[in-house]
All heavy atoms as atom14 arrays in JSON, in Angstrom:
{
  "sequence": "QVSFRGRYGGAVIALHRASERIDGKLGTVE",
  "atom14_mask": [
    [1, 1, 1, 1, 1, 1, 1, 1, 1, 0, 0, 0, 0, 0],
    [1, 1, 1, 1, 1, 1, 1, 0, 0, 0, 0, 0, 0, 0],
    [1, 1, 1, 1, 1, 1, 0, 0, 0, 0, 0, 0, 0, 0],
    [1, 1, 1, 1, 1, 1, 1, 1, 1, 1, 1, 0, 0, 0],
    [1, 1, 1, 1, 1, 1, 1, 1, 1, 1, 1, 0, 0, 0],
    [1, 1, 1, 1, 0, 0, 0, 0, 0, 0, 0, 0, 0, 0],
    [1, 1, 1, 1, 1, 1, 1, 1, 1, 1, 1, 0, 0, 0],
    [1, 1, 1, 1, 1, 1, 1, 1, 1, 1, 1, 1, 0, 0],
    [1, 1, 1, 1, 0, 0, 0, 0, 0, 0, 0, 0, 0, 0],
    [1, 1, 1, 1, 0, 0, 0, 0, 0, 0, 0, 0, 0, 0],
    [1, 1, 1, 1, 1, 0, 0, 0, 0, 0, 0, 0, 0, 0],
    [1, 1, 1, 1, 1, 1, 1, 0, 0, 0, 0, 0, 0, 0],
    [1, 1, 1, 1, 1, 1, 1, 1, 0, 0, 0, 0, 0, 0],
    [1, 1, 1, 1, 1, 0, 0, 0, 0, 0, 0, 0, 0, 0],
    [1, 1, 1, 1, 1, 1, 1, 1, 0, 0, 0, 0, 0, 0],
    [1, 1, 1, 1, 1, 1, 1, 1, 1, 1, 0, 0, 0, 0],
    [1, 1, 1, 1, 1, 1, 1, 1, 1, 1, 1, 0, 0, 0],
    [1, 1, 1, 1, 1, 0, 0, 0, 0, 0, 0, 0, 0, 0],
    [1, 1, 1, 1, 1, 1, 0, 0, 0, 0, 0, 0, 0, 0],
    [1, 1, 1, 1, 1, 1, 1, 1, 1, 0, 0, 0, 0, 0],
    [1, 1, 1, 1, 1, 1, 1, 1, 1, 1, 1, 0, 0, 0],
    [1, 1, 1, 1, 1, 1, 1, 1, 0, 0, 0, 0, 0, 0],
    [1, 1, 1, 1, 1, 1, 1, 1, 0, 0, 0, 0, 0, 0],
    [1, 1, 1, 1, 0, 0, 0, 0, 0, 0, 0, 0, 0, 0],
    [1, 1, 1, 1, 1, 1, 1, 1, 1, 0, 0, 0, 0, 0],
    [1, 1, 1, 1, 1, 1, 1, 1, 0, 0, 0, 0, 0, 0],
    [1, 1, 1, 1, 0, 0, 0, 0, 0, 0, 0, 0, 0, 0],
    [1, 1, 1, 1, 1, 1, 1, 0, 0, 0, 0, 0, 0, 0],
    [1, 1, 1, 1, 1, 1, 1, 0, 0, 0, 0, 0, 0, 0],
    [1, 1, 1, 1, 1, 1, 1, 1, 1, 0, 0, 0, 0, 0]
  ],
  "atom14_positions": [
    [[6.9, -3.32, -19.56], [6.23, -3.97, -20.62], [5.07, -3.2, -21.25], [4.89, -3.13, -22.46], [5.75, -5.39, -20.25], [6.86, -6.44, -20.04], [6.25, -7.72, -19.43], [5.24, -7.75, -18.79], [7.11, -8.76, -19.6], [0.0, 0.0, 0.0], [0.0, 0.0, 0.0], [0.0, 0.0, 0.0], [0.0, 0.0, 0.0], [0.0, 0.0, 0.0]],
    [[4.3, -2.55, -20.27], [3.23, -1.76, -20.77], [3.47, -0.38, -21.13], [2.69, 0.55, -21.54], [2.07, -1.78, -19.79], [1.56, -3.25, -19.54], [2.39, -1.1, -18.5], [0.0, 0.0, 0.0], [0.0, 0.0, 0.0], [0.0, 0.0, 0.0], [0.0, 0.0, 0.0], [0.0, 0.0, 0.0], [0.0, 0.0, 0.0], [0.0, 0.0, 0.0]],
    [[4.81, 0.15, -20.94], [5.2, 1.4, -21.07], [4.29, 2.4, -20.4], [3.62, 3.25, -20.98], [5.34, 1.76, -22.67], [5.8, 3.02, -22.95], [0.0, 0.0, 0.0], [0.0, 0.0, 0.0], [0.0, 0.0, 0.0], [0.0, 0.0, 0.0], [0.0, 0.0, 0.0], [0.0, 0.0, 0.0], [0.0, 0.0, 0.0], [0.0, 0.0, 0.0]],
    [[4.25, 2.26, -19.14], [3.16, 2.96, -18.31], [3.3, 4.41, -18.48], [2.22, 5.17, -18.69], [3.39, 2.54, -16.85], [2.27, 3.0, -16.01], [1.23, 2.2, -15.55], [2.21, 4.34, -15.46], [0.19, 2.56, -14.81], [1.06, 4.68, -14.7], [0.12, 3.84, -14.39], [0.0, 0.0, 0.0], [0.0, 0.0, 0.0], [0.0, 0.0, 0.0]],
    [[4.47, 5.01, -18.42], [4.58, 6.46, -18.54], [4.18, 6.95, -19.97], [3.45, 7.89, -19.99], [6.1, 6.88, -18.22], [6.24, 8.28, -18.03], [6.52, 9.08, -19.3], [7.52, 8.46, -20.15], [7.62, 8.64, -21.37], [6.93, 9.52, -21.99], [8.64, 8.03, -22.11], [0.0, 0.0, 0.0], [0.0, 0.0, 0.0], [0.0, 0.0, 0.0]],
    [[4.52, 6.19, -20.97], [4.15, 6.64, -22.3], [2.71, 6.5, -22.56], [2.05, 7.21, -23.2], [0.0, 0.0, 0.0], [0.0, 0.0, 0.0], [0.0, 0.0, 0.0], [0.0, 0.0, 0.0], [0.0, 0.0, 0.0], [0.0, 0.0, 0.0], [0.0, 0.0, 0.0], [0.0, 0.0, 0.0], [0.0, 0.0, 0.0], [0.0, 0.0, 0.0]],
    [[2.13, 5.49, -21.87], [0.66, 5.15, -22.22], [-0.23, 6.11, -21.36], [-1.27, 6.68, -21.9], [0.25, 3.74, -21.84], [-1.22, 3.41, -22.03], [-1.53, 2.07, -21.5], [-0.92, 1.02, -22.32], [-1.15, -0.25, -22.18], [-2.13, -0.66, -21.21], [-0.54, -1.26, -22.8], [0.0, 0.0, 0.0], [0.0, 0.0, 0.0], [0.0, 0.0, 0.0]],
    [[0.04, 6.4, -20.04], [-0.82, 7.21, -19.18], [-0.28, 8.53, -18.85], [-1.0, 9.28, -18.32], [-1.03, 6.33, -17.89], [-1.64, 5.04, -18.14], [-0.88, 3.87, -18.02], [-2.94, 4.97, -18.62], [-1.42, 2.55, -18.25], [-3.49, 3.66, -18.76], [-2.76, 2.49, -18.55], [-3.29, 1.26, -18.82], [0.0, 0.0, 0.0], [0.0, 0.0, 0.0]],
    [[0.95, 8.92, -19.21], [1.46, 10.2, -18.9], [1.78, 10.41, -17.42], [1.69, 11.62, -16.88], [0.0, 0.0, 0.0], [0.0, 0.0, 0.0], [0.0, 0.0, 0.0], [0.0, 0.0, 0.0], [0.0, 0.0, 0.0], [0.0, 0.0, 0.0], [0.0, 0.0, 0.0], [0.0, 0.0, 0.0], [0.0, 0.0, 0.0], [0.0, 0.0, 0.0]],
    [[2.08, 9.38, -16.63], [2.41, 9.44, -15.29], [3.51, 8.5, -14.97], [3.56, 7.4, -15.53], [0.0, 0.0, 0.0], [0.0, 0.0, 0.0], [0.0, 0.0, 0.0], [0.0, 0.0, 0.0], [0.0, 0.0, 0.0], [0.0, 0.0, 0.0], [0.0, 0.0, 0.0], [0.0, 0.0, 0.0], [0.0, 0.0, 0.0], [0.0, 0.0, 0.0]],
    [[4.45, 8.82, -14.19], [5.6, 8.02, -13.81], [5.33, 7.29, -12.43], [5.09, 8.08, -11.48], [6.94, 8.83, -13.72], [0.0, 0.0, 0.0], [0.0, 0.0, 0.0], [0.0, 0.0, 0.0], [0.0, 0.0, 0.0], [0.0, 0.0, 0.0], [0.0, 0.0, 0.0], [0.0, 0.0, 0.0], [0.0, 0.0, 0.0], [0.0, 0.0, 0.0]],
    [[5.54, 6.04, -12.37], [5.34, 5.34, -11.09], [6.56, 5.42, -10.33], [7.71, 5.14, -10.76], [5.08, 3.8, -11.51], [4.99, 3.05, -10.11], [3.81, 3.64, -12.16], [0.0, 0.0, 0.0], [0.0, 0.0, 0.0], [0.0, 0.0, 0.0], [0.0, 0.0, 0.0], [0.0, 0.0, 0.0], [0.0, 0.0, 0.0], [0.0, 0.0, 0.0]],
    [[6.52, 5.93, -9.15], [7.69, 6.13, -8.31], [7.71, 5.28, -7.03], [8.66, 5.15, -6.38], [7.87, 7.56, -7.83], [6.55, 8.09, -6.95], [8.06, 8.55, -9.05], [6.73, 9.49, -6.32], [0.0, 0.0, 0.0], [0.0, 0.0, 0.0], [0.0, 0.0, 0.0], [0.0, 0.0, 0.0], [0.0, 0.0, 0.0], [0.0, 0.0, 0.0]],
    [[6.56, 4.65, -6.64], [6.37, 3.84, -5.54], [5.29, 2.83, -5.67], [4.35, 3.11, -6.49], [6.29, 4.55, -4.3], [0.0, 0.0, 0.0], [0.0, 0.0, 0.0], [0.0, 0.0, 0.0], [0.0, 0.0, 0.0], [0.0, 0.0, 0.0], [0.0, 0.0, 0.0], [0.0, 0.0, 0.0], [0.0, 0.0, 0.0], [0.0, 0.0, 0.0]],
    [[5.34, 1.74, -5.08], [4.36, 0.65, -5.2], [4.07, 0.08, -3.78], [5.06, -0.19, -3.05], [4.82, -0.45, -6.19], [3.84, -1.54, -6.59], [4.22, -1.96, -8.01], [3.74, -2.7, -5.65], [0.0, 0.0, 0.0], [0.0, 0.0, 0.0], [0.0, 0.0, 0.0], [0.0, 0.0, 0.0], [0.0, 0.0, 0.0], [0.0, 0.0, 0.0]],
    [[2.71, -0.21, -3.53], [2.32, -0.95, -2.4], [1.58, -2.16, -2.72], [0.68, -2.27, -3.6], [1.36, 0.02, -1.49], [0.68, -0.87, -0.46], [1.13, -1.07, 0.76], [-0.61, -1.27, -0.49], [0.31, -1.84, 1.41], [-0.81, -1.9, 0.73], [0.0, 0.0, 0.0], [0.0, 0.0, 0.0], [0.0, 0.0, 0.0], [0.0, 0.0, 0.0]],
    [[1.88, -3.27, -2.06], [1.22, -4.55, -2.18], [0.72, -5.05, -0.77], [1.54, -5.07, 0.1], [1.97, -5.52, -2.91], [1.25, -6.95, -3.08], [2.09, -7.8, -4.03], [2.0, -7.23, -5.42], [2.92, -7.55, -6.35], [3.83, -8.5, -6.16], [2.77, -7.03, -7.57], [0.0, 0.0, 0.0], [0.0, 0.0, 0.0], [0.0, 0.0, 0.0]],
    [[-0.55, -5.33, -0.6], [-1.08, -5.73, 0.7], [-0.25, -6.87, 1.16], [-0.06, -7.96, 0.65], [-2.55, -6.11, 0.63], [0.0, 0.0, 0.0], [0.0, 0.0, 0.0], [0.0, 0.0, 0.0], [0.0, 0.0, 0.0], [0.0, 0.0, 0.0], [0.0, 0.0, 0.0], [0.0, 0.0, 0.0], [0.0, 0.0, 0.0], [0.0, 0.0, 0.0]],
    [[0.25, -6.8, 2.56], [0.83, -7.74, 3.3], [2.07, -8.41, 2.62], [2.57, -9.44, 2.92], [-0.12, -9.01, 3.46], [-1.32, -8.61, 4.09], [0.0, 0.0, 0.0], [0.0, 0.0, 0.0], [0.0, 0.0, 0.0], [0.0, 0.0, 0.0], [0.0, 0.0, 0.0], [0.0, 0.0, 0.0], [0.0, 0.0, 0.0], [0.0, 0.0, 0.0]],
    [[2.76, -7.48, 1.69], [3.97, -7.98, 1.03], [4.82, -6.84, 0.68], [4.4, -5.8, 0.26], [3.58, -8.72, -0.27], [4.79, -9.35, -0.93], [4.33, -10.12, -2.12], [3.19, -10.52, -2.22], [5.16, -10.33, -3.02], [0.0, 0.0, 0.0], [0.0, 0.0, 0.0], [0.0, 0.0, 0.0], [0.0, 0.0, 0.0], [0.0, 0.0, 0.0]],
    [[6.19, -7.02, 1.09], [7.1, -5.95, 0.72], [7.7, -6.14, -0.63], [8.0, -7.29, -0.94], [8.19, -5.86, 1.72], [9.14, -4.71, 1.53], [10.12, -4.48, 2.68], [9.26, -4.24, 3.96], [9.75, -4.38, 5.2], [10.98, -4.75, 5.33], [9.08, -4.12, 6.18], [0.0, 0.0, 0.0], [0.0, 0.0, 0.0], [0.0, 0.0, 0.0]],
    [[7.79, -5.25, -1.47], [8.21, -5.26, -2.87], [9.71, -5.15, -2.9], [10.35, -4.16, -2.41], [7.58, -4.2, -3.75], [6.05, -4.4, -3.72], [8.08, -4.4, -5.1], [5.57, -5.67, -4.17], [0.0, 0.0, 0.0], [0.0, 0.0, 0.0], [0.0, 0.0, 0.0], [0.0, 0.0, 0.0], [0.0, 0.0, 0.0], [0.0, 0.0, 0.0]],
    [[10.39, -6.2, -3.48], [11.8, -6.12, -3.78], [12.0, -6.05, -5.3], [11.2, -6.42, -6.02], [12.55, -7.45, -3.29], [12.57, -7.48, -1.72], [12.83, -6.4, -1.11], [12.37, -8.53, -1.17], [0.0, 0.0, 0.0], [0.0, 0.0, 0.0], [0.0, 0.0, 0.0], [0.0, 0.0, 0.0], [0.0, 0.0, 0.0], [0.0, 0.0, 0.0]],
    [[13.16, -5.61, -5.64], [13.44, -5.32, -7.1], [13.05, -4.06, -7.66], [12.3, -3.26, -6.97], [0.0, 0.0, 0.0], [0.0, 0.0, 0.0], [0.0, 0.0, 0.0], [0.0, 0.0, 0.0], [0.0, 0.0, 0.0], [0.0, 0.0, 0.0], [0.0, 0.0, 0.0], [0.0, 0.0, 0.0], [0.0, 0.0, 0.0], [0.0, 0.0, 0.0]],
    [[13.46, -3.79, -8.91], [13.16, -2.57, -9.58], [11.67, -2.42, -9.86], [11.1, -3.42, -10.26], [14.06, -2.33, -10.77], [15.53, -2.1, -10.46], [16.33, -1.92, -11.81], [17.83, -1.77, -11.5], [18.0, -0.5, -10.74], [0.0, 0.0, 0.0], [0.0, 0.0, 0.0], [0.0, 0.0, 0.0], [0.0, 0.0, 0.0], [0.0, 0.0, 0.0]],
    [[11.07, -1.33, -9.76], [9.58, -1.21, -10.01], [9.25, -1.65, -11.46], [8.22, -2.27, -11.67], [9.11, 0.24, -9.82], [9.31, 0.83, -8.27], [8.8, 2.12, -8.27], [8.51, -0.16, -7.35], [0.0, 0.0, 0.0], [0.0, 0.0, 0.0], [0.0, 0.0, 0.0], [0.0, 0.0, 0.0], [0.0, 0.0, 0.0], [0.0, 0.0, 0.0]],
    [[10.14, -1.25, -12.44], [9.84, -1.57, -13.75], [9.77, -3.07, -14.05], [9.16, -3.53, -15.07], [0.0, 0.0, 0.0], [0.0, 0.0, 0.0], [0.0, 0.0, 0.0], [0.0, 0.0, 0.0], [0.0, 0.0, 0.0], [0.0, 0.0, 0.0], [0.0, 0.0, 0.0], [0.0, 0.0, 0.0], [0.0, 0.0, 0.0], [0.0, 0.0, 0.0]],
    [[10.36, -3.94, -13.05], [10.33, -5.4, -13.4], [9.38, -6.19, -12.56], [9.25, -7.41, -12.61], [11.68, -5.94, -13.25], [12.1, -5.7, -11.72], [12.72, -5.19, -13.95], [0.0, 0.0, 0.0], [0.0, 0.0, 0.0], [0.0, 0.0, 0.0], [0.0, 0.0, 0.0], [0.0, 0.0, 0.0], [0.0, 0.0, 0.0], [0.0, 0.0, 0.0]],
    [[8.55, -5.54, -11.72], [7.57, -6.22, -10.82], [6.27, -6.38, -11.63], [5.75, -5.46, -12.16], [7.33, -5.27, -9.62], [6.28, -5.92, -8.8], [8.52, -5.16, -8.82], [0.0, 0.0, 0.0], [0.0, 0.0, 0.0], [0.0, 0.0, 0.0], [0.0, 0.0, 0.0], [0.0, 0.0, 0.0], [0.0, 0.0, 0.0], [0.0, 0.0, 0.0]],
    [[5.9, -7.69, -11.63], [4.53, -8.07, -12.29], [3.43, -7.48, -11.41], [3.34, -7.74, -10.21], [4.42, -9.52, -12.46], [5.26, -10.07, -13.65], [4.87, -11.5, -14.1], [3.81, -12.11, -13.46], [5.47, -12.14, -14.88], [0.0, 0.0, 0.0], [0.0, 0.0, 0.0], [0.0, 0.0, 0.0], [0.0, 0.0, 0.0], [0.0, 0.0, 0.0]]
  ]
}
């Protein structure tokens, strides 16, 4: 939604959330 790569010039390849494992595609995680 925020077009992260286009806005900041960096591509998100992984995500960490405290005490919670992330399921689903990174682009769809709030």
